[in-house]
Amino acid sequence: MISPFIFPENRLRLAWLIRDNGFSVRIHGYEYLVAYGNRFLCLILLQPTDMTILVKEFKWLDESRKLIRKIIELIRTMDERSRIVVY
């Protein structure tokens, strides 16, 4: 099984989906640096061949946990099978 994020067009689609929901995103290959307002929120690392998505949460915002849940929901709309690990 391979994640849909193996394809570049799906990775770009995810970046636009996150942006359309009020976040700022900088993408580099399989890595996304996500900000909310003027603060970095998380780093997302896609590992499509392993069916794993790592989310490194930066806890600089009081509402970061809620915002991370929103991002996970967005990811799930495109890939409901991959394991998501938040740390």
C-alpha atoms as a PDB file:
ATOM      1  CA  MET A   1       0.000   0.000   0.000  1.00  0.00           C
ATOM      2  CA  ILE A   2       1.268   3.488  -0.874  1.00  0.00           C
ATOM      3  CA  SER A   3      -0.039   6.824   0.299  1.00  0.00           C
ATOM      4  CA  PRO A   4      -1.509   9.248  -2.257  1.00  0.00           C
ATOM      5  CA  PHE A   5       1.195  11.683  -1.123  1.00  0.00           C
ATOM      6  CA  ILE A   6       3.756   9.790  -3.204  1.00  0.00           C
ATOM      7  CA  PHE A   7       2.520  11.965  -6.105  1.00  0.00           C
ATOM      8  CA  PRO A   8       3.678  15.620  -6.233  1.00  0.00           C
ATOM      9  CA  GLU A   9       0.273  16.908  -7.314  1.00  0.00           C
ATOM     10  CA  ASN A  10      -1.298  15.495  -4.133  1.00  0.00           C
ATOM     11  CA  ARG A  11       1.384  17.089  -1.966  1.00  0.00           C
ATOM     12  CA  LEU A  12       0.669  20.456  -3.606  1.00  0.00           C
ATOM     13  CA  ARG A  13      -3.060  19.881  -3.183  1.00  0.00           C
ATOM     14  CA  LEU A  14      -2.532  19.292   0.544  1.00  0.00           C
ATOM     15  CA  ALA A  15      -0.565  22.543   0.836  1.00  0.00           C
ATOM     16  CA  TRP A  16      -3.403  24.468  -0.825  1.00  0.00           C
ATOM     17  CA  LEU A  17      -5.986  22.744   1.353  1.00  0.00           C
ATOM     18  CA  ILE A  18      -4.111  23.787   4.487  1.00  0.00           C
ATOM     19  CA  ARG A  19      -3.719  27.361   3.155  1.00  0.00           C
ATOM     20  CA  ASP A  20      -7.418  27.565   2.271  1.00  0.00           C
ATOM     21  CA  ASN A  21      -8.178  26.831   5.935  1.00  0.00           C
ATOM     22  CA  GLY A  22      -6.318  29.842   7.309  1.00  0.00           C
ATOM     23  CA  PHE A  23      -2.778  28.559   7.757  1.00  0.00           C
ATOM     24  CA  SER A  24       0.468  29.602   6.086  1.00  0.00           C
ATOM     25  CA  VAL A  25       2.483  26.789   4.535  1.00  0.00           C
ATOM     26  CA  ARG A  26       5.982  26.446   3.168  1.00  0.00           C
ATOM     27  CA  ILE A  27       6.509  23.159   1.375  1.00  0.00           C
ATOM     28  CA  HIS A  28       9.771  21.486   0.472  1.00  0.00           C
ATOM     29  CA  GLY A  29       9.414  18.006  -1.002  1.00  0.00           C
ATOM     30  CA  TYR A  30       7.739  15.946   1.697  1.00  0.00           C
ATOM     31  CA  GLU A  31       8.068  18.570   4.452  1.00  0.00           C
ATOM     32  CA  TYR A  32       5.584  21.276   5.368  1.00  0.00           C
ATOM     33  CA  LEU A  33       6.311  24.131   7.740  1.00  0.00           C
ATOM     34  CA  VAL A  34       2.922  25.367   8.919  1.00  0.00           C
ATOM     35  CA  ALA A  35       2.269  28.703  10.633  1.00  0.00           C
ATOM     36  CA  TYR A  36      -0.811  30.236  12.149  1.00  0.00           C
ATOM     37  CA  GLY A  37      -0.828  34.010  12.470  1.00  0.00           C
ATOM     38  CA  ASN A  38       2.759  35.051  13.094  1.00  0.00           C
ATOM     39  CA  ARG A  39       3.830  31.817  14.849  1.00  0.00           C
ATOM     40  CA  PHE A  40       5.035  28.480  13.586  1.00  0.00           C
ATOM     41  CA  LEU A  41       2.531  25.791  14.491  1.00  0.00           C
ATOM     42  CA  CYS A  42       4.028  22.520  13.284  1.00  0.00           C
ATOM     43  CA  LEU A  43       6.293  20.658  10.943  1.00  0.00           C
ATOM     44  CA  ILE A  44       4.681  17.897   8.879  1.00  0.00           C
ATOM     45  CA  LEU A  45       6.839  15.161   7.412  1.00  0.00           C
ATOM     46  CA  LEU A  46       5.148  12.831   4.933  1.00  0.00           C
ATOM     47  CA  GLN A  47       6.572   9.319   4.609  1.00  0.00           C
ATOM     48  CA  PRO A  48       4.342   7.882   1.879  1.00  0.00           C
ATOM     49  CA  THR A  49       6.199   4.613   1.351  1.00  0.00           C
ATOM     50  CA  ASP A  50       5.867   3.849   5.082  1.00  0.00           C
ATOM     51  CA  MET A  51       2.246   5.061   5.244  1.00  0.00           C
ATOM     52  CA  THR A  52       3.280   7.377   8.090  1.00  0.00           C
ATOM     53  CA  ILE A  53       2.880  11.094   8.668  1.00  0.00           C
ATOM     54  CA  LEU A  54       4.868  12.759  11.429  1.00  0.00           C
ATOM     55  CA  VAL A  55       3.624  16.026  12.925  1.00  0.00           C
ATOM     56  CA  LYS A  56       6.026  17.926  15.191  1.00  0.00           C
ATOM     57  CA  GLU A  57       3.912  20.316  17.241  1.00  0.00           C
ATOM     58  CA  PHE A  58       5.432  23.608  18.351  1.00  0.00           C
ATOM     59  CA  LYS A  59       3.602  24.589  21.521  1.00  0.00           C
ATOM     60  CA  TRP A  60       3.961  28.367  21.221  1.00  0.00           C
ATOM     61  CA  LEU A  61       0.240  28.939  20.830  1.00  0.00           C
ATOM     62  CA  ASP A  62      -2.357  28.246  23.503  1.00  0.00           C
ATOM     63  CA  GLU A  63      -4.688  26.793  20.887  1.00  0.00           C
ATOM     64  CA  SER A  64      -2.030  24.690  19.147  1.00  0.00           C
ATOM     65  CA  ARG A  65      -3.625  21.334  20.067  1.00  0.00           C
ATOM     66  CA  LYS A  66      -6.951  22.388  18.527  1.00  0.00           C
ATOM     67  CA  LEU A  67      -5.236  23.711  15.387  1.00  0.00           C
ATOM     68  CA  ILE A  68      -3.201  20.500  15.003  1.00  0.00           C
ATOM     69  CA  ARG A  69      -6.444  18.495  15.170  1.00  0.00           C
ATOM     70  CA  LYS A  70      -7.822  20.643  12.336  1.00  0.00           C
ATOM     71  CA  ILE A  71      -4.732  19.973  10.210  1.00  0.00           C
ATOM     72  CA  ILE A  72      -5.025  16.235  10.881  1.00  0.00           C
ATOM     73  CA  GLU A  73      -8.657  16.360   9.739  1.00  0.00           C
ATOM     74  CA  LEU A  74      -7.505  18.041   6.512  1.00  0.00           C
ATOM     75  CA  ILE A  75      -4.838  15.387   5.952  1.00  0.00           C
ATOM     76  CA  ARG A  76      -7.408  12.644   6.555  1.00  0.00           C
ATOM     77  CA  THR A  77      -9.614  14.014   3.763  1.00  0.00           C
ATOM     78  CA  MET A  78      -6.841  13.027   1.353  1.00  0.00           C
ATOM     79  CA  ASP A  79      -5.350   9.980   3.093  1.00  0.00           C
ATOM     80  CA  GLU A  80      -7.377   8.123   5.686  1.00  0.00           C
ATOM     81  CA  ARG A  81      -5.106   5.061   5.832  1.00  0.00           C
ATOM     82  CA  SER A  82      -1.742   6.489   6.895  1.00  0.00           C
ATOM     83  CA  ARG A  83      -0.687   6.450  10.522  1.00  0.00           C
ATOM     84  CA  ILE A  84      -0.320   9.978  11.937  1.00  0.00           C
ATOM     85  CA  VAL A  85       2.098  10.491  14.816  1.00  0.00           C
ATOM     86  CA  VAL A  86       2.009  13.819  16.702  1.00  0.00           C
ATOM     87  CA  TYR A  87       4.956  14.542  18.934  1.00  0.00           C
END
